[in-house]
Amino acid sequence: MAATYTVQTGYFSKSSNAENLYEKLREEDLSAYKYKMNNRYFVFVGEFQSYSSALSSLNKARKIVPEAYIREVNFDFTPDK
């Protein structure tokens, strides 16, 4: 079964900005990954089966990105690691 929730930490027009955030999150041992959609670059953390299971990663991600939030995955994607 595919993940249905993730933590969105960033949304950028420049890939270098997404890469910088991705590296910061990885340095903190968060399972970050990047995704490109419609010339925008997203940075997510984790893949979760439920909203509640994403809360721990959300709290860790918010130490780096206070605006991070849990997002339902309602699109088909393959992470760009």
Protein backbone atom coordinates (compact mmCIF):
# COMPACT_ATOMS: atom_id res chain seq x y z
CA MET A 1 0.00 0.00 0.00
CA ALA A 2 1.35 3.40 -0.94
CA ALA A 3 1.85 6.14 1.59
CA THR A 4 -1.06 8.49 2.01
CA TYR A 5 0.60 11.24 4.07
CA THR A 6 3.89 13.12 4.05
CA VAL A 7 5.34 16.22 5.69
CA GLN A 8 5.75 19.08 3.24
CA THR A 9 8.69 21.26 4.20
CA GLY A 10 9.25 23.35 1.10
CA TYR A 11 8.02 24.42 -2.33
CA PHE A 12 10.46 26.24 -4.61
CA SER A 13 10.85 27.59 -8.12
CA LYS A 14 14.63 27.01 -8.03
CA SER A 15 16.04 23.51 -7.69
CA SER A 16 19.05 24.83 -5.73
CA ASN A 17 16.75 26.05 -2.94
CA ALA A 18 15.10 22.65 -2.75
CA GLU A 19 18.50 20.97 -2.68
CA ASN A 20 19.68 23.20 0.19
CA LEU A 21 16.64 22.38 2.31
CA TYR A 22 16.89 18.69 1.43
CA GLU A 23 20.51 18.64 2.68
CA LYS A 24 19.60 20.41 5.94
CA LEU A 25 16.85 17.90 6.65
CA ARG A 26 19.09 14.92 5.83
CA GLU A 27 21.78 16.31 8.17
CA GLU A 28 19.18 16.06 10.95
CA ASP A 29 18.53 12.40 10.05
CA LEU A 30 15.11 13.09 8.56
CA SER A 31 14.04 10.94 5.61
CA ALA A 32 13.76 13.86 3.20
CA TYR A 33 13.13 13.55 -0.51
CA LYS A 34 12.57 15.92 -3.42
CA TYR A 35 9.86 15.92 -6.05
CA LYS A 36 9.42 18.05 -9.17
CA MET A 37 5.94 18.90 -10.42
CA ASN A 38 5.04 21.56 -13.01
CA ASN A 39 8.43 23.31 -12.80
CA ARG A 40 8.22 23.53 -9.01
CA TYR A 41 10.42 21.66 -6.55
CA PHE A 42 8.90 20.16 -3.41
CA VAL A 43 10.78 18.83 -0.39
CA PHE A 44 8.98 16.25 1.74
CA VAL A 45 9.83 14.18 4.81
CA GLY A 46 8.65 10.61 5.26
CA GLU A 47 5.87 8.44 3.90
CA PHE A 48 3.10 7.56 6.34
CA GLN A 49 -0.06 5.47 6.37
CA SER A 50 -1.90 7.81 8.75
CA TYR A 51 -1.90 11.44 9.81
CA SER A 52 -1.07 10.52 13.39
CA SER A 53 1.98 8.50 12.35
CA ALA A 54 3.38 11.60 10.59
CA LEU A 55 3.23 13.81 13.71
CA SER A 56 6.65 12.85 15.09
CA SER A 57 8.39 13.73 11.82
CA LEU A 58 6.38 16.94 11.59
CA ASN A 59 7.63 18.03 15.00
CA LYS A 60 11.25 17.28 14.04
CA ALA A 61 10.90 19.05 10.67
CA ARG A 62 9.41 22.15 12.31
CA LYS A 63 12.67 22.68 14.19
CA ILE A 64 14.16 23.49 10.78
CA VAL A 65 11.07 24.67 8.88
CA PRO A 66 8.42 26.12 11.24
CA GLU A 67 5.90 26.25 8.36
CA ALA A 68 6.10 22.49 7.67
CA TYR A 69 2.78 20.66 7.62
CA ILE A 70 1.29 17.23 7.03
CA ARG A 71 -0.06 16.78 3.54
CA GLU A 72 -2.24 14.05 2.14
CA VAL A 73 -0.60 12.48 -0.89
CA ASN A 74 -3.27 12.76 -3.56
CA PHE A 75 -1.02 12.55 -6.59
CA ASP A 76 1.08 9.86 -8.18
CA PHE A 77 4.77 10.51 -7.64
CA THR A 78 8.20 9.01 -7.66
CA PRO A 79 10.60 10.85 -5.35
CA ASP A 80 13.59 12.51 -6.97
CA LYS A 81 16.33 11.54 -4.53
